[in-house]
Protein backbone atom coordinates (compact mmCIF):
# COMPACT_ATOMS: atom_id res chain seq x y z
CA MET A 1 0.05 -0.24 -0.07
CA ILE A 2 1.33 3.35 -0.51
CA GLU A 3 0.11 6.80 0.50
CA ALA A 4 0.15 10.09 -0.24
CA GLY A 5 -0.05 12.00 2.58
CA ASP A 6 1.07 12.31 6.37
CA LEU A 7 -1.92 11.56 9.13
CA VAL A 8 -4.12 14.79 9.27
CA LEU A 9 -7.26 13.25 11.48
CA PRO A 10 -7.57 10.38 13.43
CA THR A 11 -10.42 9.34 12.47
CA HIS A 12 -13.13 9.80 9.70
CA ALA A 13 -14.25 13.59 9.77
CA HIS A 14 -17.98 12.71 10.70
CA ASN A 15 -16.79 11.66 14.25
CA LEU A 16 -14.71 14.92 15.08
CA PRO A 17 -17.61 17.12 16.82
CA THR A 18 -15.36 20.44 16.26
CA PHE A 19 -15.52 19.54 12.44
CA ASP A 20 -19.52 20.74 10.62
CA GLN A 21 -19.32 20.67 7.14
CA THR A 22 -18.01 24.04 6.41
CA ARG A 23 -14.96 23.46 8.46
CA PHE A 24 -14.09 20.06 7.11
CA GLU A 25 -14.42 21.94 3.76
CA HIS A 26 -12.11 24.58 4.82
CA PHE A 27 -9.45 22.00 5.69
CA THR A 28 -9.63 19.58 2.54
CA GLU A 29 -9.03 22.95 0.21
CA SER A 30 -6.39 24.17 2.31
CA PRO A 31 -2.27 23.09 0.76
CA PRO A 32 -0.75 20.93 1.60
CA TYR A 33 -3.63 18.37 1.71
CA ALA A 34 -5.62 19.17 -1.28
CA GLU A 35 -5.07 19.76 -4.71
CA HIS A 36 -7.44 21.49 -7.49
CA ALA A 37 -7.97 18.69 -9.92
CA GLY A 38 -10.01 20.72 -12.47
CA ARG A 39 -7.17 20.98 -14.77
CA LEU A 40 -6.57 16.62 -14.82
CA TRP A 41 -10.61 16.54 -14.95
CA PRO A 42 -11.89 19.45 -16.77
CA ASP A 43 -15.83 18.02 -16.82
CA TYR A 44 -15.63 18.12 -12.94
CA PRO A 45 -14.26 21.91 -12.10
CA GLY A 46 -15.14 21.76 -8.35
CA ALA A 47 -13.21 17.68 -8.36
CA ARG A 48 -10.02 18.07 -5.31
CA ILE A 49 -7.47 15.46 -4.82
CA PHE A 50 -7.23 14.65 -1.00
CA ARG A 51 -3.75 13.74 0.14
CA ALA A 52 -3.19 12.03 3.58
CA LEU A 53 -3.14 8.93 5.07
CA GLY A 54 -6.41 7.12 5.14
CA GLY A 55 -7.65 9.17 1.80
CA ARG A 56 -10.96 8.32 1.03
CA THR A 57 -11.88 6.63 3.95
CA LEU A 58 -11.10 10.05 6.20
CA HIS A 59 -14.65 11.88 4.52
CA TRP A 60 -16.08 9.30 1.89
CA TYR A 61 -20.14 8.96 2.38
CA LEU A 62 -20.05 5.46 2.90
CA MET A 63 -21.90 4.34 -0.25
CA CYS A 64 -21.60 0.75 -1.55
CA PRO A 65 -23.31 0.08 -4.86
CA ARG A 66 -21.89 -2.63 -6.66
CA LEU A 67 -21.21 -2.74 -10.43
CA LEU A 68 -23.81 -3.91 -11.95
CA PRO A 69 -22.74 -7.31 -14.50
CA GLU A 70 -23.79 -5.50 -18.08
CA GLU A 71 -20.80 -2.52 -17.09
CA MET A 72 -18.33 -5.61 -16.66
CA LYS A 73 -19.16 -6.64 -20.31
CA THR A 74 -15.68 -5.84 -21.19
CA TRP A 75 -13.86 -6.88 -18.11
CA PRO A 76 -11.49 -10.20 -18.68
CA ILE A 77 -13.65 -11.51 -15.38
CA SER A 78 -17.08 -12.23 -14.68
CA TYR A 79 -19.44 -10.51 -12.73
CA GLN A 80 -19.55 -14.04 -10.94
CA GLU A 81 -15.97 -14.44 -10.31
CA LEU A 82 -16.28 -11.40 -8.37
CA VAL A 83 -19.66 -12.36 -6.29
CA PRO A 84 -17.80 -14.06 -3.49
CA TYR A 85 -15.32 -10.93 -2.81
CA TYR A 86 -18.23 -8.75 -2.98
CA LEU A 87 -19.85 -10.54 -0.42
CA THR A 88 -16.80 -10.93 1.25
CA ALA A 89 -16.49 -7.33 1.70
CA GLU A 90 -20.03 -6.48 2.68
CA GLN A 91 -19.71 -8.86 5.51
CA ILE A 92 -16.44 -6.64 6.90
CA MET A 93 -17.45 -3.27 6.21
CA LYS A 94 -21.01 -4.07 7.13
CA VAL A 95 -22.67 -2.92 4.45
CA THR A 96 -26.41 -2.49 4.43
CA SER A 97 -29.43 -0.65 3.33
CA ALA A 98 -30.98 -0.28 6.18
CA TYR A 99 -29.33 2.92 7.39
CA ALA A 100 -31.68 5.00 4.81
CA ARG A 101 -34.57 3.13 4.95
CA GLY A 102 -38.12 4.81 5.96
CA SER A 103 -36.68 8.30 5.98
CA SER A 104 -38.71 10.67 4.10
CA LEU A 105 -35.95 11.99 2.00
CA GLN A 106 -34.81 8.12 0.82
CA GLU A 107 -39.04 7.08 0.45
CA THR A 108 -38.98 10.55 -1.94
CA LEU A 109 -36.31 9.67 -3.86
CA LEU A 110 -37.15 5.81 -4.69
CA HIS A 111 -40.78 6.96 -5.38
CA ARG A 112 -39.57 9.75 -7.98
CA LEU A 113 -36.98 7.12 -9.50
CA ARG A 114 -39.73 4.52 -9.43
CA PHE A 115 -42.21 6.55 -11.33
CA GLY A 116 -39.49 8.07 -13.06
CA GLY A 117 -38.51 5.42 -15.38
CA PHE A 118 -36.28 3.05 -12.74
CA PRO A 119 -38.57 0.34 -11.51
CA ASP A 120 -35.50 -1.27 -10.13
CA ALA A 121 -34.48 1.51 -7.89
CA THR A 122 -33.83 0.25 -4.01
CA ASP A 123 -32.35 1.27 -1.16
CA ILE A 124 -28.85 2.61 -1.12
CA PRO A 125 -26.43 0.01 0.67
CA MET A 126 -24.25 1.40 2.71
CA ALA A 127 -21.11 0.63 5.24
CA VAL A 128 -22.56 1.77 8.48
CA ASP A 129 -22.16 0.41 11.89
CA LEU A 130 -25.69 -0.35 13.24
CA ASP A 131 -24.67 -2.47 16.19
CA VAL A 132 -25.66 -1.51 19.73
CA THR A 133 -22.72 -1.32 22.39
CA ARG A 134 -22.91 -4.43 24.31
CA TYR A 135 -20.38 -6.66 26.13
CA GLY A 136 -17.66 -4.11 26.34
CA GLN A 137 -17.51 -3.21 22.36
CA LEU A 138 -18.32 0.29 21.66
CA HIS A 139 -20.74 0.92 18.76
CA SER A 140 -20.68 4.99 19.31
CA ASN A 141 -20.69 6.29 15.39
CA VAL A 142 -22.08 5.13 12.04
CA PHE A 143 -18.64 5.92 10.58
CA LEU A 144 -16.25 4.90 13.57
CA VAL A 145 -15.72 1.20 11.88
CA ARG A 146 -15.15 2.65 8.57
CA SER A 147 -12.34 4.96 9.36
CA PHE A 148 -9.79 2.87 10.54
CA SER A 149 -10.41 0.13 7.70
CA TRP A 150 -6.93 1.13 5.88
CA LEU A 151 -5.26 0.27 9.16
CA THR A 152 -6.31 -3.44 8.18
CA LEU A 153 -5.15 -3.89 4.76
């Protein structure tokens, strides 16, 4: 594993009570951690490259959709060959679609998608820790388990 930067956060940004969205954006947009990537990807003028130990695990939004089989038609391996690896990774990362299920935003989005021509739309799979704290094992934040995943690679 090669990392491009230093350790700048001890955990996922959402675990830090002083890091609201505005402070986090200022932090990730300031050198030496961030670089505007608009020149690399002109179609994405707001794109940034964040250089720090942990990379995206420090500030990703936990969404874990699988590639669709039809998106892999030109790949040298089949979707079926990847299924066991998907299952293992999803188990380790505790991927579930239960986190947003039932929320008004999720239900509105699904309703609009399904009646807008996407009848197969489902709840988004997310890597979240929904376990309760028990037997001395802490589960105090949905981001906590994922924030240290890079240490175990």
